[in-house]
C-alpha cells in the first residue's frame, strides 16, 4: 500500500505555543506521528518566526519544511501574505493538507484540504469584536467562502459545529466533531519537595483559587477579579493565582484593576509556565475557576478535572458539553452567581469530594490518542471520496 503524503500546517506552534491552538497542534502531531504508519506526514512551519524550545522535536525532524517569504513581504499586509501562501501550497505535491487552525489562511483553500475550526468567537461575540456591521459581514463572507472550499471541517466541539452551521450556513455533512484530548501525565503525582519548590517560588503559602489562560475581554477575568475582591473580605486567607502571558496588553489591564481594588497582596499574576509547574499549581489549588464568556472547547478546566481539582465554571458555549456533571456552573454575566458557586465550592467539603470524583471520571472521556485516531480515520475517508 502506497503511503499517502499529508501536509500538516504546524504554524500554530509558532503563533500560539502556550494557548489552545498550539497545544492542540502539538498533541495531535505527537499522536499522528505515532499512529500514522500508512501516511507520510510533512510539517509546514513559517521560517520567519521562531519556535518555542519545547517544540524543537518537530522542527528537527526530516519531515519538516518551510517556505521563506520574500524580504519585501515581511512588513506587508496579512491579505497579501494569505494569497502568497496559497500560491506556495499550490506548488506542493500532496494527497491531503490539514490546516490545524484558522491562522492567516488563504481566501480559498488548496485542493484536498481539511481545516480544524476551534471556534467562531469573533462572530459569536460580534459586538465585542466589531464596531461596524460591514466589517462583520465581510469577515463572515470571507470565512464562509474559505470553509466551503475545504473537503472536510473538523469542529472541536458540538458547540463549534453548531456555530459553523448557524452563523456561516455550512453544510452539516461537511463537518466532523472530534474532541480535543488531555495529556495522561496530568494525573501524575509529585513529591512534597517538588511541590514545595514550586509553591515557594511563587510565594504561595495559603489556600488559593487558580485561573490560567488569556486575559482578553471574552475570558471575563475582570468579573472574576471583582468577585474575588468580595470573597477576599470573607475568606481573608484566600489568594487568587492567575497564570497568563505577562506581555499581553489585556494582562496589563487586569493588573491595573487589581491595583484599583487594592488587592495586590491577594492576587498573584504569573507568567506562562511549563507543564510540570502548571500541574503542581493545578493539583494544589483549592478550586479552578473558568469565568469565560465563550470557549471553543475548554482544555484548562478539563485538565483541572484530571488533576483532581474541583472546577467552578461558566455555563457558556462548549463548557457544559466538555465538563458534564464535573463542575459547578454559573452565568458568566452574573457576579452574584459566580460568588455563590465559588463560596459553595470552598465551604461544602462533601460537594468538593463529589466534584473531584466526577472530574477524574470525566477527564477519562478524552484522550489525544482518540483524537488522533479519529483524525486519521477522517483522512482515510477523504482519500475514498
Protein backbone atom coordinates (compact mmCIF):
# COMPACT_ATOMS: atom_id res chain seq x y z
CA UNK A 1 0.00 0.00 0.00
CA UNK A 2 1.43 3.35 -1.06
CA UNK A 3 1.78 5.84 1.74
CA UNK A 4 -0.32 8.97 1.44
CA UNK A 5 1.51 12.29 1.69
CA UNK A 6 -0.20 14.58 4.20
CA UNK A 7 0.93 18.14 4.81
CA UNK A 8 0.20 19.42 8.33
CA UNK A 9 0.16 23.18 8.87
CA UNK A 10 2.19 23.43 12.10
CA UNK A 11 2.31 27.25 12.31
CA UNK A 12 0.11 27.36 15.45
CA UNK A 13 3.17 26.04 17.34
CA UNK A 14 4.84 29.34 16.41
CA UNK A 15 1.95 31.78 16.69
CA UNK A 16 0.16 30.36 19.74
CA UNK A 17 2.53 27.99 21.57
CA UNK A 18 1.03 28.17 25.07
CA UNK A 19 -2.62 28.61 24.15
CA UNK A 20 -5.26 26.19 22.86
CA UNK A 21 -4.20 26.28 19.20
CA UNK A 22 -0.60 25.39 19.95
CA UNK A 23 -1.49 22.71 22.48
CA UNK A 24 -3.95 21.12 20.05
CA UNK A 25 -1.37 21.09 17.25
CA UNK A 26 1.50 19.69 19.36
CA UNK A 27 -0.56 16.92 20.97
CA UNK A 28 -2.20 15.98 17.68
CA UNK A 29 1.19 15.81 15.94
CA UNK A 30 2.77 13.69 18.68
CA UNK A 31 -0.01 11.13 18.29
CA UNK A 32 -0.34 11.31 14.49
CA UNK A 33 3.38 10.63 14.06
CA UNK A 34 2.96 7.55 16.27
CA UNK A 35 -0.25 6.25 14.73
CA UNK A 36 0.07 7.18 11.09
CA UNK A 37 2.17 4.33 9.73
CA UNK A 38 0.28 4.43 6.43
CA UNK A 39 0.88 8.15 5.98
CA UNK A 40 3.91 10.28 5.21
CA UNK A 41 3.47 13.45 7.26
CA UNK A 42 5.13 16.68 6.16
CA UNK A 43 5.05 19.56 8.67
CA UNK A 44 4.90 23.13 7.42
CA UNK A 45 6.48 25.91 9.51
CA UNK A 46 6.99 29.60 8.79
CA UNK A 47 10.78 30.16 8.73
CA UNK A 48 10.28 33.86 9.51
CA UNK A 49 9.08 33.05 13.02
CA UNK A 50 10.92 31.35 15.87
CA UNK A 51 9.60 28.31 17.70
CA UNK A 52 9.48 27.57 21.41
CA UNK A 53 12.24 25.16 22.51
CA UNK A 54 9.64 22.66 23.77
CA UNK A 55 8.63 22.03 20.13
CA UNK A 56 12.14 21.56 18.69
CA UNK A 57 11.42 17.86 18.28
CA UNK A 58 9.14 18.78 15.38
CA UNK A 59 11.41 21.24 13.59
CA UNK A 60 14.41 18.91 13.72
CA UNK A 61 12.53 16.03 12.13
CA UNK A 62 13.23 15.06 8.49
CA UNK A 63 9.59 15.68 7.56
CA UNK A 64 9.75 19.42 8.31
CA UNK A 65 9.82 22.13 5.67
CA UNK A 66 9.08 25.81 5.24
CA UNK A 67 8.99 28.43 2.52
CA UNK A 68 10.68 31.69 3.42
CA UNK A 69 8.76 34.82 2.45
CA UNK A 70 10.44 37.28 0.07
CA UNK A 71 12.03 40.14 2.03
CA UNK A 72 9.55 42.69 0.61
CA UNK A 73 6.62 40.85 2.17
CA UNK A 74 7.74 40.84 5.78
CA UNK A 75 6.08 44.12 6.64
CA UNK A 76 3.27 43.80 4.14
CA UNK A 77 -0.41 43.12 4.73
CA UNK A 78 -1.91 39.90 6.06
CA UNK A 79 -4.10 39.72 2.95
CA UNK A 80 -1.04 39.73 0.68
CA UNK A 81 0.52 37.01 2.84
CA UNK A 82 -2.61 34.86 2.51
CA UNK A 83 -2.55 34.99 -1.29
CA UNK A 84 1.18 34.29 -1.30
CA UNK A 85 0.67 31.30 1.00
CA UNK A 86 -1.99 29.85 -1.30
CA UNK A 87 0.46 30.05 -4.19
CA UNK A 88 3.13 28.21 -2.17
CA UNK A 89 0.77 25.42 -1.17
CA UNK A 90 -0.43 25.02 -4.76
CA UNK A 91 3.13 24.08 -5.75
CA UNK A 92 3.30 21.18 -3.30
CA UNK A 93 2.84 17.53 -4.16
CA UNK A 94 0.49 16.03 -1.54
CA UNK A 95 -2.61 13.88 -1.15
CA UNK A 96 -4.13 15.92 1.67
CA UNK A 97 -3.37 19.08 3.60
CA UNK A 98 -4.60 19.66 7.15
CA UNK A 99 -4.80 23.24 8.43
CA UNK A 100 -4.81 22.80 12.20
CA UNK A 101 -6.22 26.28 12.95
CA UNK A 102 -7.64 29.36 11.28
CA UNK A 103 -4.35 31.29 11.26
CA UNK A 104 -3.74 33.56 8.24
CA UNK A 105 -5.34 31.17 5.77
CA UNK A 106 -5.78 31.88 2.06
CA UNK A 107 -9.20 33.14 0.85
CA UNK A 108 -9.81 29.83 -0.88
CA UNK A 109 -8.21 26.69 0.47
CA UNK A 110 -5.99 24.48 -1.69
CA UNK A 111 -7.43 21.26 -3.11
CA UNK A 112 -7.94 18.29 -0.79
CA UNK A 113 -7.93 20.41 2.35
CA UNK A 114 -9.13 19.67 5.88
CA UNK A 115 -9.36 22.50 8.39
CA UNK A 116 -9.81 22.39 12.14
CA UNK A 117 -12.14 25.12 13.36
CA UNK A 118 -11.63 25.77 17.05
CA UNK A 119 -14.24 28.47 17.48
CA UNK A 120 -16.04 31.39 15.87
CA UNK A 121 -15.59 33.69 18.85
CA UNK A 122 -15.36 36.91 16.87
CA UNK A 123 -18.70 36.15 15.19
CA UNK A 124 -20.48 34.70 18.22
CA UNK A 125 -19.49 37.77 20.27
CA UNK A 126 -19.60 40.22 17.37
CA UNK A 127 -20.41 43.27 19.50
CA UNK A 128 -17.14 42.74 21.33
CA UNK A 129 -15.07 42.43 18.14
CA UNK A 130 -16.75 44.67 15.54
CA UNK A 131 -17.62 48.35 15.67
CA UNK A 132 -19.34 48.39 12.29
CA UNK A 133 -21.63 45.75 10.78
CA UNK A 134 -19.98 45.99 7.35
CA UNK A 135 -16.70 44.62 8.72
CA UNK A 136 -18.56 41.79 10.44
CA UNK A 137 -20.45 40.84 7.26
CA UNK A 138 -17.23 40.98 5.20
CA UNK A 139 -15.41 38.64 7.59
CA UNK A 140 -18.36 36.23 7.72
CA UNK A 141 -18.39 36.09 3.90
CA UNK A 142 -14.61 35.58 3.75
CA UNK A 143 -14.72 32.75 6.32
CA UNK A 144 -17.75 31.11 4.70
CA UNK A 145 -16.07 31.07 1.28
CA UNK A 146 -12.86 29.71 2.78
CA UNK A 147 -14.59 26.87 4.68
CA UNK A 148 -16.77 25.98 1.72
CA UNK A 149 -13.54 25.21 -0.14
CA UNK A 150 -12.48 22.59 2.41
CA UNK A 151 -13.12 18.92 1.72
CA UNK A 152 -13.89 18.36 5.40
CA UNK A 153 -14.08 20.52 8.53
CA UNK A 154 -13.10 19.31 11.99
CA UNK A 155 -15.02 21.06 14.78
CA UNK A 156 -13.51 20.56 18.23
CA UNK A 157 -16.92 20.58 19.93
CA UNK A 158 -20.60 20.22 19.14
CA UNK A 159 -20.93 23.88 20.11
CA UNK A 160 -18.40 24.91 17.45
CA UNK A 161 -20.20 22.75 14.89
CA UNK A 162 -23.48 24.46 15.77
CA UNK A 163 -21.87 27.89 15.27
CA UNK A 164 -20.38 26.89 11.91
CA UNK A 165 -23.84 25.80 10.72
CA UNK A 166 -25.89 28.65 12.23
CA UNK A 167 -23.53 31.57 11.60
CA UNK A 168 -21.88 30.54 8.34
CA UNK A 169 -24.51 28.26 6.84
CA UNK A 170 -22.01 25.46 6.10
CA UNK A 171 -23.41 22.05 5.13
CA UNK A 172 -23.61 19.85 8.23
CA UNK A 173 -22.40 16.80 6.25
CA UNK A 174 -19.05 18.50 5.74
CA UNK A 175 -18.39 18.83 9.49
CA UNK A 176 -16.96 16.16 11.78
CA UNK A 177 -16.78 16.74 15.54
CA UNK A 178 -13.52 15.46 17.03
CA UNK A 179 -12.99 16.47 20.64
CA UNK A 180 -9.60 17.51 21.90
CA UNK A 181 -7.81 15.25 24.35
CA UNK A 182 -5.99 15.52 27.61
CA UNK A 183 -2.41 14.51 28.30
CA UNK A 184 -2.14 11.43 30.52
CA UNK A 185 0.57 12.95 32.68
CA UNK A 186 -1.88 15.49 34.13
CA UNK A 187 -2.74 12.75 36.62
CA UNK A 188 0.91 12.35 37.70
CA UNK A 189 1.81 12.73 41.36
CA UNK A 190 4.67 14.91 42.58
CA UNK A 191 6.81 14.70 45.70
CA UNK A 192 6.41 17.05 48.65
CA UNK A 193 9.80 18.54 47.77
CA UNK A 194 8.82 19.27 44.15
CA UNK A 195 5.51 20.76 45.26
CA UNK A 196 7.12 22.92 47.96
CA UNK A 197 9.72 24.22 45.49
CA UNK A 198 7.02 25.46 43.09
CA UNK A 199 4.79 26.97 45.78
CA UNK A 200 7.78 28.70 47.40
CA UNK A 201 8.97 30.07 44.06
CA UNK A 202 5.64 31.84 43.58
CA UNK A 203 5.30 32.77 47.29
CA UNK A 204 2.07 30.79 47.72
CA UNK A 205 1.61 29.96 51.39
CA UNK A 206 -2.17 29.77 51.72
CA UNK A 207 -5.25 28.32 50.02
CA UNK A 208 -5.74 29.70 46.52
CA UNK A 209 -8.10 29.80 43.58
CA UNK A 210 -6.49 29.24 40.19
CA UNK A 211 -7.21 30.52 36.70
CA UNK A 212 -4.96 30.11 33.69
CA UNK A 213 -5.47 31.35 30.16
CA UNK A 214 -5.72 34.67 28.37
CA UNK A 215 -6.97 37.93 29.86
CA UNK A 216 -8.77 39.33 26.82
CA UNK A 217 -12.33 40.57 27.34
CA UNK A 218 -14.10 37.35 26.36
CA UNK A 219 -12.18 35.47 29.07
CA UNK A 220 -14.15 37.52 31.64
CA UNK A 221 -11.22 37.82 34.05
CA UNK A 222 -12.31 41.32 35.09
CA UNK A 223 -15.51 39.92 36.62
CA UNK A 224 -13.52 37.21 38.35
CA UNK A 225 -11.26 39.90 39.87
CA UNK A 226 -14.30 41.86 41.10
CA UNK A 227 -15.89 38.76 42.59
CA UNK A 228 -12.64 37.74 44.24
CA UNK A 229 -12.25 41.19 45.82
CA UNK A 230 -15.52 40.50 47.65
CA UNK A 231 -14.65 36.88 48.50
CA UNK A 232 -11.36 38.05 50.00
CA UNK A 233 -13.26 40.01 52.64
CA UNK A 234 -14.96 36.82 53.83
CA UNK A 235 -12.09 34.39 53.22
CA UNK A 236 -9.25 36.55 54.47
CA UNK A 237 -6.50 33.97 53.92
CA UNK A 238 -7.55 33.11 50.37
CA UNK A 239 -5.41 34.01 47.35
CA UNK A 240 -6.11 34.18 43.60
CA UNK A 241 -3.39 32.92 41.24
CA UNK A 242 -3.59 33.81 37.54
CA UNK A 243 -1.27 32.18 35.00
CA UNK A 244 -1.19 34.16 31.77
CA UNK A 245 1.02 35.92 29.22
CA UNK A 246 2.53 38.88 31.06
CA UNK A 247 3.35 40.65 27.79
CA UNK A 248 -0.26 40.83 26.54
CA UNK A 249 -1.91 44.27 26.81
CA UNK A 250 -5.11 42.71 28.30
CA UNK A 251 -2.96 41.37 31.15
CA UNK A 252 -1.74 44.89 31.89
CA UNK A 253 -5.36 46.00 32.18
CA UNK A 254 -6.08 43.22 34.70
CA UNK A 255 -3.01 44.24 36.70
CA UNK A 256 -4.36 47.80 36.85
CA UNK A 257 -7.76 46.56 38.02
CA UNK A 258 -6.09 44.57 40.81
CA UNK A 259 -4.36 47.77 41.96
CA UNK A 260 -7.57 49.79 41.80
CA UNK A 261 -9.30 47.22 44.02
CA UNK A 262 -6.34 47.29 46.43
CA UNK A 263 -5.92 43.50 46.43
CA UNK A 264 -2.32 43.28 45.14
CA UNK A 265 -1.33 41.25 48.21
CA UNK A 266 -4.16 38.78 47.47
CA UNK A 267 -3.63 38.25 43.73
CA UNK A 268 -0.56 36.72 42.05
CA UNK A 269 -0.33 37.14 38.28
CA UNK A 270 2.48 34.97 37.00
CA UNK A 271 3.80 34.31 33.52
CA UNK A 272 3.27 31.23 31.44
CA UNK A 273 4.79 28.06 32.87
CA UNK A 274 5.76 24.64 31.59
CA UNK A 275 3.55 21.62 32.16
CA UNK A 276 5.16 20.26 35.34
CA UNK A 277 4.77 23.58 37.16
CA UNK A 278 1.24 24.02 35.79
CA UNK A 279 0.22 20.57 37.04
CA UNK A 280 1.63 21.21 40.51
CA UNK A 281 -0.22 24.53 40.73
CA UNK A 282 -3.40 22.86 39.49
CA UNK A 283 -3.21 19.93 41.91
CA UNK A 284 -2.71 22.19 44.91
CA UNK A 285 -5.40 24.76 44.11
CA UNK A 286 -8.49 24.82 46.29
CA UNK A 287 -10.63 25.42 43.19
CA UNK A 288 -10.09 26.06 39.50
CA UNK A 289 -12.24 28.91 38.16
CA UNK A 290 -13.30 29.19 34.49
CA UNK A 291 -15.15 32.53 34.04
CA UNK A 292 -15.11 32.65 30.22
CA UNK A 293 -17.87 34.12 28.07
CA UNK A 294 -17.02 31.78 25.20
CA UNK A 295 -14.78 28.76 24.55
CA UNK A 296 -14.41 26.56 21.51
CA UNK A 297 -13.63 23.62 23.78
CA UNK A 298 -12.18 24.41 27.22
CA UNK A 299 -8.97 22.50 27.97
CA UNK A 300 -7.98 24.22 31.25
CA UNK A 301 -11.00 23.09 33.32
CA UNK A 302 -10.73 19.60 31.84
CA UNK A 303 -7.06 19.50 32.88
CA UNK A 304 -8.18 20.58 36.36
CA UNK A 305 -10.62 17.63 36.31
CA UNK A 306 -7.73 15.27 35.56
CA UNK A 307 -5.66 16.75 38.38
CA UNK A 308 -8.41 16.15 40.91
CA UNK A 309 -9.12 19.86 41.44
CA UNK A 310 -12.78 20.92 41.80
CA UNK A 311 -13.97 23.17 38.96
CA UNK A 312 -16.29 26.18 39.14
CA UNK A 313 -17.16 27.16 35.58
CA UNK A 314 -19.13 29.47 33.37
CA UNK A 315 -22.08 27.76 31.68
CA UNK A 316 -21.31 29.41 28.34
CA UNK A 317 -20.73 27.84 24.93
CA UNK A 318 -18.94 24.45 24.96
CA UNK A 319 -18.14 24.27 28.68
CA UNK A 320 -21.21 22.25 29.81
CA UNK A 321 -20.59 19.86 26.88
CA UNK A 322 -16.98 19.24 27.93
CA UNK A 323 -17.41 19.27 31.72
CA UNK A 324 -20.72 17.43 32.06
CA UNK A 325 -21.53 16.94 35.76
CA UNK A 326 -17.90 17.57 36.79
CA UNK A 327 -18.27 21.28 37.62
CA UNK A 328 -20.44 23.80 39.41
CA UNK A 329 -21.77 26.20 36.80
CA UNK A 330 -22.69 29.88 36.86
CA UNK A 331 -23.91 32.52 34.42
CA UNK A 332 -20.69 34.37 33.46
CA UNK A 333 -22.53 37.71 33.43
CA UNK A 334 -23.91 37.23 36.94
CA UNK A 335 -21.32 38.20 39.56
CA UNK A 336 -23.51 37.13 42.48
CA UNK A 337 -23.99 33.68 41.00
CA UNK A 338 -20.23 33.37 40.43
CA UNK A 339 -19.63 34.44 44.04
CA UNK A 340 -22.17 31.97 45.42
CA UNK A 341 -20.82 29.00 43.46
CA UNK A 342 -17.21 29.71 44.41
CA UNK A 343 -18.24 30.08 48.06
CA UNK A 344 -20.12 26.78 47.87
CA UNK A 345 -17.03 25.10 46.43
CA UNK A 346 -14.92 26.50 49.26
CA UNK A 347 -17.23 25.57 52.13
CA UNK A 348 -19.00 22.32 51.20
CA UNK A 349 -16.49 19.50 51.68
CA UNK A 350 -18.92 16.77 50.58
CA UNK A 351 -19.57 18.60 47.32
CA UNK A 352 -15.84 19.13 46.80
CA UNK A 353 -15.23 15.39 47.12
CA UNK A 354 -18.05 14.71 44.64
CA UNK A 355 -16.58 17.18 42.13
CA UNK A 356 -13.15 15.61 42.46
CA UNK A 357 -14.52 12.10 41.79
CA UNK A 358 -16.69 13.25 38.89
CA UNK A 359 -13.85 15.32 37.43
CA UNK A 360 -11.37 12.44 37.32
CA UNK A 361 -14.02 10.25 35.66
CA UNK A 362 -14.96 12.99 33.19
CA UNK A 363 -11.35 13.55 32.10
CA UNK A 364 -11.11 9.88 31.13
CA UNK A 365 -13.60 10.51 28.31
CA UNK A 366 -10.96 12.48 26.40
CA UNK A 367 -7.55 11.49 25.08
CA UNK A 368 -5.22 12.77 22.37
CA UNK A 369 -4.83 9.22 21.09
CA UNK A 370 -8.59 9.07 20.42
CA UNK A 371 -8.42 12.49 18.80
CA UNK A 372 -5.58 11.36 16.50
CA UNK A 373 -7.30 8.05 15.65
CA UNK A 374 -10.48 9.84 14.61
CA UNK A 375 -8.44 12.37 12.63
CA UNK A 376 -6.60 9.60 10.74
CA UNK A 377 -9.96 7.92 10.05
CA UNK A 378 -11.18 11.21 8.57
CA UNK A 379 -8.06 11.43 6.39
CA UNK A 380 -8.76 7.92 5.08
CA UNK A 381 -12.38 8.79 4.45
CA UNK A 382 -11.25 11.75 2.34
CA UNK A 383 -8.99 9.53 0.20
CA UNK A 384 -12.02 7.40 -0.68
CA UNK A 385 -14.40 10.22 -1.60
